[in-house]
PDB file of N, CA and C in Angstrom:
ATOM      1  N   MET A   1     -19.362   8.820 -17.561  1.00  0.00           N
ATOM      2  CA  MET A   1     -18.663   7.294 -17.785  1.00  0.00           C
ATOM      3  C   MET A   1     -18.773   6.827 -16.038  1.00  0.00           C
ATOM      4  N   GLU A   2     -20.104   6.582 -15.772  1.00  0.00           N
ATOM      5  CA  GLU A   2     -20.392   6.076 -14.197  1.00  0.00           C
ATOM      6  C   GLU A   2     -20.335   4.494 -14.503  1.00  0.00           C
ATOM      7  N   ASP A   3     -20.615   4.182 -15.501  1.00  0.00           N
ATOM      8  CA  ASP A   3     -20.790   2.413 -15.502  1.00  0.00           C
ATOM      9  C   ASP A   3     -19.344   2.038 -16.157  1.00  0.00           C
ATOM     10  N   VAL A   4     -18.457   1.481 -15.233  1.00  0.00           N
ATOM     11  CA  VAL A   4     -17.024   1.464 -15.976  1.00  0.00           C
ATOM     12  C   VAL A   4     -17.062  -0.341 -15.732  1.00  0.00           C
ATOM     13  N   ASN A   5     -16.363  -1.175 -16.550  1.00  0.00           N
ATOM     14  CA  ASN A   5     -16.250  -2.521 -16.915  1.00  0.00           C
ATOM     15  C   ASN A   5     -14.915  -2.448 -16.191  1.00  0.00           C
ATOM     16  N   PHE A   6     -14.677  -3.167 -15.231  1.00  0.00           N
ATOM     17  CA  PHE A   6     -13.445  -3.595 -14.180  1.00  0.00           C
ATOM     18  C   PHE A   6     -13.211  -4.840 -14.734  1.00  0.00           C
ATOM     19  N   SER A   7     -13.380  -5.177 -15.580  1.00  0.00           N
ATOM     20  CA  SER A   7     -13.012  -6.884 -15.811  1.00  0.00           C
ATOM     21  C   SER A   7     -11.855  -7.146 -16.271  1.00  0.00           C
ATOM     22  N   GLY A   8     -11.188  -6.243 -16.612  1.00  0.00           N
ATOM     23  CA  GLY A   8      -9.705  -6.731 -16.825  1.00  0.00           C
ATOM     24  C   GLY A   8      -8.802  -5.806 -16.232  1.00  0.00           C
ATOM     25  N   ILE A   9      -9.246  -5.114 -14.962  1.00  0.00           N
ATOM     26  CA  ILE A   9      -8.544  -4.446 -13.915  1.00  0.00           C
ATOM     27  C   ILE A   9      -8.370  -4.743 -12.726  1.00  0.00           C
ATOM     28  N   ASP A  10      -7.266  -5.298 -12.253  1.00  0.00           N
ATOM     29  CA  ASP A  10      -7.089  -5.528 -11.012  1.00  0.00           C
ATOM     30  C   ASP A  10      -7.988  -4.409  -9.828  1.00  0.00           C
ATOM     31  N   ARG A  11      -8.266  -4.578  -9.579  1.00  0.00           N
ATOM     32  CA  ARG A  11      -9.237  -3.903  -8.341  1.00  0.00           C
ATOM     33  C   ARG A  11      -8.515  -3.258  -7.254  1.00  0.00           C
ATOM     34  N   SER A  12      -7.854  -4.124  -6.921  1.00  0.00           N
ATOM     35  CA  SER A  12      -6.805  -3.751  -5.744  1.00  0.00           C
ATOM     36  C   SER A  12      -5.905  -3.108  -5.875  1.00  0.00           C
ATOM     37  N   ILE A  13      -5.184  -3.167  -6.926  1.00  0.00           N
ATOM     38  CA  ILE A  13      -4.181  -1.864  -7.380  1.00  0.00           C
ATOM     39  C   ILE A  13      -4.711  -0.638  -7.492  1.00  0.00           C
ATOM     40  N   LEU A  14      -6.081  -0.372  -7.974  1.00  0.00           N
ATOM     41  CA  LEU A  14      -6.821   0.832  -8.111  1.00  0.00           C
ATOM     42  C   LEU A  14      -6.854   1.322  -6.767  1.00  0.00           C
ATOM     43  N   LEU A  15      -7.732   0.175  -5.716  1.00  0.00           N
ATOM     44  CA  LEU A  15      -8.100   0.414  -4.452  1.00  0.00           C
ATOM     45  C   LEU A  15      -7.015   1.157  -3.541  1.00  0.00           C
ATOM     46  N   ASP A  16      -5.677   0.366  -3.687  1.00  0.00           N
ATOM     47  CA  ASP A  16      -3.995   0.983  -2.944  1.00  0.00           C
ATOM     48  C   ASP A  16      -3.807   2.050  -3.823  1.00  0.00           C
ATOM     49  N   ILE A  17      -4.365   2.795  -4.791  1.00  0.00           N
ATOM     50  CA  ILE A  17      -3.840   3.681  -5.079  1.00  0.00           C
ATOM     51  C   ILE A  17      -4.530   4.903  -4.444  1.00  0.00           C
ATOM     52  N   ALA A  18      -5.759   4.549  -4.048  1.00  0.00           N
ATOM     53  CA  ALA A  18      -7.118   5.419  -3.881  1.00  0.00           C
ATOM     54  C   ALA A  18      -6.485   5.688  -2.078  1.00  0.00           C
ATOM     55  N   ARG A  19      -6.336   4.693  -1.462  1.00  0.00           N
ATOM     56  CA  ARG A  19      -6.092   4.569  -0.275  1.00  0.00           C
ATOM     57  C   ARG A  19      -4.376   4.923   0.560  1.00  0.00           C
ATOM     58  N   MET A  20      -3.630   4.565  -0.531  1.00  0.00           N
ATOM     59  CA  MET A  20      -2.344   4.161   0.305  1.00  0.00           C
ATOM     60  C   MET A  20      -1.560   5.890   0.412  1.00  0.00           C
ATOM     61  N   GLU A  21      -0.955   6.045   1.441  1.00  0.00           N
ATOM     62  CA  GLU A  21      -0.289   7.507   1.477  1.00  0.00           C
ATOM     63  C   GLU A  21       1.132   7.560   0.939  1.00  0.00           C
ATOM     64  N   MET A  22       1.806   8.401   0.419  1.00  0.00           N
ATOM     65  CA  MET A  22       3.243   8.498  -0.156  1.00  0.00           C
ATOM     66  C   MET A  22       3.973   8.038   1.285  1.00  0.00           C
ATOM     67  N   PRO A  23       4.966   7.442   1.380  1.00  0.00           N
ATOM     68  CA  PRO A  23       5.571   7.096   2.434  1.00  0.00           C
ATOM     69  C   PRO A  23       6.689   8.154   2.530  1.00  0.00           C
ATOM     70  N   TYR A  24       7.135   8.451   1.395  1.00  0.00           N
ATOM     71  CA  TYR A  24       8.487   9.647   2.000  1.00  0.00           C
ATOM     72  C   TYR A  24       8.731  10.974   1.065  1.00  0.00           C
ATOM     73  N   GLY A  25       9.335  11.817   0.890  1.00  0.00           N
ATOM     74  CA  GLY A  25       9.486  13.146   0.128  1.00  0.00           C
ATOM     75  C   GLY A  25       8.430  14.410   0.375  1.00  0.00           C
ATOM     76  N   LYS A  26       8.467  14.916  -0.295  1.00  0.00           N
ATOM     77  CA  LYS A  26       7.788  16.279  -0.565  1.00  0.00           C
ATOM     78  C   LYS A  26       6.394  15.890  -0.225  1.00  0.00           C
ATOM     79  N   TYR A  27       5.765  15.030  -0.848  1.00  0.00           N
ATOM     80  CA  TYR A  27       4.146  14.252  -1.137  1.00  0.00           C
ATOM     81  C   TYR A  27       3.981  13.651   0.485  1.00  0.00           C
ATOM     82  N   LYS A  28       4.843  13.162   1.288  1.00  0.00           N
ATOM     83  CA  LYS A  28       5.278  12.398   2.648  1.00  0.00           C
ATOM     84  C   LYS A  28       3.305  12.395   2.848  1.00  0.00           C
ATOM     85  N   GLY A  29       2.493  11.401   3.296  1.00  0.00           N
ATOM     86  CA  GLY A  29       1.240  11.658   3.893  1.00  0.00           C
ATOM     87  C   GLY A  29       0.267  11.927   3.028  1.00  0.00           C
ATOM     88  N   TRP A  30       0.353  12.283   1.908  1.00  0.00           N
ATOM     89  CA  TRP A  30      -0.283  12.326   0.738  1.00  0.00           C
ATOM     90  C   TRP A  30      -1.208  11.100  -0.084  1.00  0.00           C
ATOM     91  N   LYS A  31      -2.168  11.108   0.141  1.00  0.00           N
ATOM     92  CA  LYS A  31      -2.691   9.967  -0.989  1.00  0.00           C
ATOM     93  C   LYS A  31      -1.923   9.599  -2.173  1.00  0.00           C
ATOM     94  N   LEU A  32      -1.814   8.283  -2.747  1.00  0.00           N
ATOM     95  CA  LEU A  32      -1.283   8.502  -3.819  1.00  0.00           C
ATOM     96  C   LEU A  32      -1.882   9.108  -4.768  1.00  0.00           C
ATOM     97  N   LYS A  33      -3.519   8.975  -4.863  1.00  0.00           N
ATOM     98  CA  LYS A  33      -4.091   9.315  -5.693  1.00  0.00           C
ATOM     99  C   LYS A  33      -4.073  10.367  -6.140  1.00  0.00           C
ATOM    100  N   SER A  34      -3.954  11.742  -4.916  1.00  0.00           N
ATOM    101  CA  SER A  34      -3.577  12.730  -5.427  1.00  0.00           C
ATOM    102  C   SER A  34      -2.646  13.810  -5.458  1.00  0.00           C
ATOM    103  N   LEU A  35      -1.192  13.083  -5.438  1.00  0.00           N
ATOM    104  CA  LEU A  35       0.032  13.110  -6.377  1.00  0.00           C
ATOM    105  C   LEU A  35       0.151  13.753  -7.710  1.00  0.00           C
ATOM    106  N   PRO A  36       0.297  15.179  -7.807  1.00  0.00           N
ATOM    107  CA  PRO A  36       0.510  15.862  -8.926  1.00  0.00           C
ATOM    108  C   PRO A  36       1.064  15.407 -10.038  1.00  0.00           C
ATOM    109  N   GLU A  37       0.331  15.342 -11.166  1.00  0.00           N
ATOM    110  CA  GLU A  37       1.193  14.807 -12.322  1.00  0.00           C
ATOM    111  C   GLU A  37       2.751  14.933 -12.512  1.00  0.00           C
ATOM    112  N   PRO A  38       2.853  16.676 -12.412  1.00  0.00           N
ATOM    113  CA  PRO A  38       4.597  16.561 -12.834  1.00  0.00           C
ATOM    114  C   PRO A  38       5.404  15.825 -11.503  1.00  0.00           C
ATOM    115  N   TYR A  39       5.194  15.668 -10.461  1.00  0.00           N
ATOM    116  CA  TYR A  39       5.823  14.887  -9.829  1.00  0.00           C
ATOM    117  C   TYR A  39       6.157  13.540 -10.191  1.00  0.00           C
ATOM    118  N   LEU A  40       4.852  13.356 -10.769  1.00  0.00           N
ATOM    119  CA  LEU A  40       4.621  11.530 -11.358  1.00  0.00           C
ATOM    120  C   LEU A  40       5.679  11.427 -12.580  1.00  0.00           C
ATOM    121  N   VAL A  41       5.722  12.710 -13.253  1.00  0.00           N
ATOM    122  CA  VAL A  41       6.723  12.562 -14.415  1.00  0.00           C
ATOM    123  C   VAL A  41       7.715  12.794 -14.164  1.00  0.00           C
ATOM    124  N   TRP A  42       8.033  13.513 -12.896  1.00  0.00           N
ATOM    125  CA  TRP A  42       9.805  13.534 -12.376  1.00  0.00           C
ATOM    126  C   TRP A  42      10.186  12.317 -11.913  1.00  0.00           C
ATOM    127  N   MET A  43       9.225  11.883 -11.456  1.00  0.00           N
ATOM    128  CA  MET A  43       9.541  10.847 -10.759  1.00  0.00           C
ATOM    129  C   MET A  43       9.809   9.470 -11.797  1.00  0.00           C
ATOM    130  N   LYS A  44       9.330   9.393 -13.002  1.00  0.00           N
ATOM    131  CA  LYS A  44       9.253   8.355 -13.825  1.00  0.00           C
ATOM    132  C   LYS A  44      10.691   8.572 -14.409  1.00  0.00           C
ATOM    133  N   GLY A  45      11.482   9.951 -14.785  1.00  0.00           N
ATOM    134  CA  GLY A  45      12.360  10.423 -15.167  1.00  0.00           C
ATOM    135  C   GLY A  45      13.631   9.968 -14.156  1.00  0.00           C
ATOM    136  N   GLN A  46      13.316   9.823 -12.239  1.00  0.00           N
ATOM    137  CA  GLN A  46      14.324   9.546 -11.834  1.00  0.00           C
ATOM    138  C   GLN A  46      14.036   7.676 -11.750  1.00  0.00           C
ATOM    139  N   GLY A  47      13.288   7.526 -12.286  1.00  0.00           N
ATOM    140  CA  GLY A  47      12.699   5.870 -11.603  1.00  0.00           C
ATOM    141  C   GLY A  47      12.298   5.607 -10.611  1.00  0.00           C
ATOM    142  N   PHE A  48      11.109   4.675 -10.640  1.00  0.00           N
ATOM    143  CA  PHE A  48       9.890   4.859  -9.842  1.00  0.00           C
ATOM    144  C   PHE A  48      10.607   3.735  -9.076  1.00  0.00           C
ATOM    145  N   PRO A  49      10.699   3.559  -7.490  1.00  0.00           N
ATOM    146  CA  PRO A  49      11.175   2.967  -6.644  1.00  0.00           C
ATOM    147  C   PRO A  49      10.473   1.506  -7.101  1.00  0.00           C
ATOM    148  N   LYS A  50      11.197   0.436  -6.356  1.00  0.00           N
ATOM    149  CA  LYS A  50      11.327  -0.711  -6.031  1.00  0.00           C
ATOM    150  C   LYS A  50       9.671  -1.441  -5.728  1.00  0.00           C
ATOM    151  N   GLY A  51       9.308  -2.932  -6.035  1.00  0.00           N
ATOM    152  CA  GLY A  51       8.426  -2.992  -5.413  1.00  0.00           C
ATOM    153  C   GLY A  51       6.982  -2.762  -5.658  1.00  0.00           C
ATOM    154  N   ARG A  52       6.122  -2.827  -4.961  1.00  0.00           N
ATOM    155  CA  ARG A  52       4.577  -2.671  -4.782  1.00  0.00           C
ATOM    156  C   ARG A  52       4.567  -0.839  -5.072  1.00  0.00           C
ATOM    157  N   LEU A  53       5.185  -0.064  -4.228  1.00  0.00           N
ATOM    158  CA  LEU A  53       4.717   1.258  -4.197  1.00  0.00           C
ATOM    159  C   LEU A  53       5.443   1.738  -5.211  1.00  0.00           C
ATOM    160  N   GLY A  54       6.509   1.259  -6.284  1.00  0.00           N
ATOM    161  CA  GLY A  54       6.860   1.770  -7.704  1.00  0.00           C
ATOM    162  C   GLY A  54       6.089   1.352  -8.589  1.00  0.00           C
ATOM    163  N   MET A  55       5.031   0.190  -8.754  1.00  0.00           N
ATOM    164  CA  MET A  55       4.167  -0.491  -8.977  1.00  0.00           C
ATOM    165  C   MET A  55       3.164   0.254  -9.508  1.00  0.00           C
ATOM    166  N   LEU A  56       2.691   0.705  -8.058  1.00  0.00           N
ATOM    167  CA  LEU A  56       1.350   1.571  -7.729  1.00  0.00           C
ATOM    168  C   LEU A  56       1.660   3.437  -8.553  1.00  0.00           C
ATOM    169  N   LEU A  57       2.959   3.599  -7.898  1.00  0.00           N
ATOM    170  CA  LEU A  57       3.224   4.974  -8.793  1.00  0.00           C
ATOM    171  C   LEU A  57       3.157   5.160 -10.425  1.00  0.00           C
ATOM    172  N   SER A  58       3.802   4.005 -10.912  1.00  0.00           N
ATOM    173  CA  SER A  58       3.685   3.948 -12.529  1.00  0.00           C
ATOM    174  C   SER A  58       2.377   3.621 -12.756  1.00  0.00           C
ATOM    175  N   THR A  59       1.446   2.791 -12.455  1.00  0.00           N
ATOM    176  CA  THR A  59      -0.121   2.518 -12.874  1.00  0.00           C
ATOM    177  C   THR A  59      -0.486   3.835 -12.573  1.00  0.00           C
ATOM    178  N   LEU A  60      -0.378   4.831 -11.352  1.00  0.00           N
ATOM    179  CA  LEU A  60      -0.967   6.122 -11.278  1.00  0.00           C
ATOM    180  C   LEU A  60      -0.473   7.032 -12.517  1.00  0.00           C
ATOM    181  N   TYR A  61       0.646   6.869 -12.751  1.00  0.00           N
ATOM    182  CA  TYR A  61       1.476   7.745 -13.559  1.00  0.00           C
ATOM    183  C   TYR A  61       0.514   7.815 -15.411  1.00  0.00           C
ATOM    184  N   GLU A  62       0.553   6.180 -15.580  1.00  0.00           N
ATOM    185  CA  GLU A  62      -0.241   6.039 -17.018  1.00  0.00           C
ATOM    186  C   GLU A  62      -1.758   6.425 -16.579  1.00  0.00           C
ATOM    187  N   ILE A  63      -2.262   6.130 -15.809  1.00  0.00           N
ATOM    188  CA  ILE A  63      -3.831   6.330 -15.091  1.00  0.00           C
ATOM    189  C   ILE A  63      -3.872   8.232 -15.457  1.00  0.00           C
ATOM    190  N   LYS A  64      -2.932   9.260 -14.983  1.00  0.00           N
ATOM    191  CA  LYS A  64      -3.234  10.740 -15.268  1.00  0.00           C
ATOM    192  C   LYS A  64      -2.814  11.070 -16.258  1.00  0.00           C
ATOM    193  N   LEU A  65      -1.780  10.054 -16.878  1.00  0.00           N
ATOM    194  CA  LEU A  65      -0.973  10.597 -18.335  1.00  0.00           C
ATOM    195  C   LEU A  65      -2.569  10.537 -19.460  1.00  0.00           C
ATOM    196  N   ASN A  66      -3.356   9.763 -19.273  1.00  0.00           N
ATOM    197  CA  ASN A  66      -4.203   9.026 -20.160  1.00  0.00           C
ATOM    198  C   ASN A  66      -5.534   9.804 -19.811  1.00  0.00           C
ATOM    199  N   GLY A  67      -5.659  10.407 -19.368  1.00  0.00           N
ATOM    200  CA  GLY A  67      -6.788  11.466 -18.550  1.00  0.00           C
ATOM    201  C   GLY A  67      -7.794   9.863 -17.939  1.00  0.00           C
ATOM    202  N   LEU A  68      -7.344   8.911 -17.125  1.00  0.00           N
ATOM    203  CA  LEU A  68      -8.228   7.873 -16.470  1.00  0.00           C
ATOM    204  C   LEU A  68      -8.696   7.974 -15.197  1.00  0.00           C
ATOM    205  N   GLU A  69      -8.588   9.452 -14.676  1.00  0.00           N
ATOM    206  CA  GLU A  69      -8.644   9.528 -13.318  1.00  0.00           C
ATOM    207  C   GLU A  69     -10.232   8.826 -13.080  1.00  0.00           C
ATOM    208  N   PHE A  70     -10.871   9.126 -13.649  1.00  0.00           N
ATOM    209  CA  PHE A  70     -12.451   8.749 -13.130  1.00  0.00           C
ATOM    210  C   PHE A  70     -12.464   7.034 -12.875  1.00  0.00           C
ATOM    211  N   LEU A  71     -11.281   6.594 -12.774  1.00  0.00           N
ATOM    212  CA  LEU A  71     -11.168   5.303 -12.299  1.00  0.00           C
ATOM    213  C   LEU A  71     -11.254   5.559 -11.031  1.00  0.00           C
ATOM    214  N   LEU A  72     -10.552   6.095 -10.174  1.00  0.00           N
ATOM    215  CA  LEU A  72     -10.155   6.411  -9.088  1.00  0.00           C
ATOM    216  C   LEU A  72     -11.371   7.214  -8.411  1.00  0.00           C
ATOM    217  N   LYS A  73     -12.060   8.131  -9.261  1.00  0.00           N
ATOM    218  CA  LYS A  73     -13.096   8.913  -8.316  1.00  0.00           C
ATOM    219  C   LYS A  73     -14.065   8.072  -7.221  1.00  0.00           C
ATOM    220  N   LYS A  74     -14.769   6.791  -7.600  1.00  0.00           N
ATOM    221  CA  LYS A  74     -15.632   6.232  -6.473  1.00  0.00           C
ATOM    222  C   LYS A  74     -15.203   5.268  -5.610  1.00  0.00           C
ATOM    223  N   LEU A  75     -13.911   5.251  -5.684  1.00  0.00           N
ATOM    224  CA  LEU A  75     -12.911   4.354  -4.912  1.00  0.00           C
ATOM    225  C   LEU A  75     -12.383   4.888  -3.363  1.00  0.00           C
TER     226      LEU A  75
END
């Protein structure tokens, strides 16, 4: 799946997920894309934080849940 069509995807969101570090908690300092899926599932149950971080974590949750990690591989 090397040739991915990004026409319907906001590439800046994927770049932020790949580059941004978790600012707090057990995984502080980890790149968002490296957060384990069970942590994202737990966080979904607790409620994602407000703002851009919450949106990025929610997007990452959907990416991992649907097996779309390849979207982040080359970023």
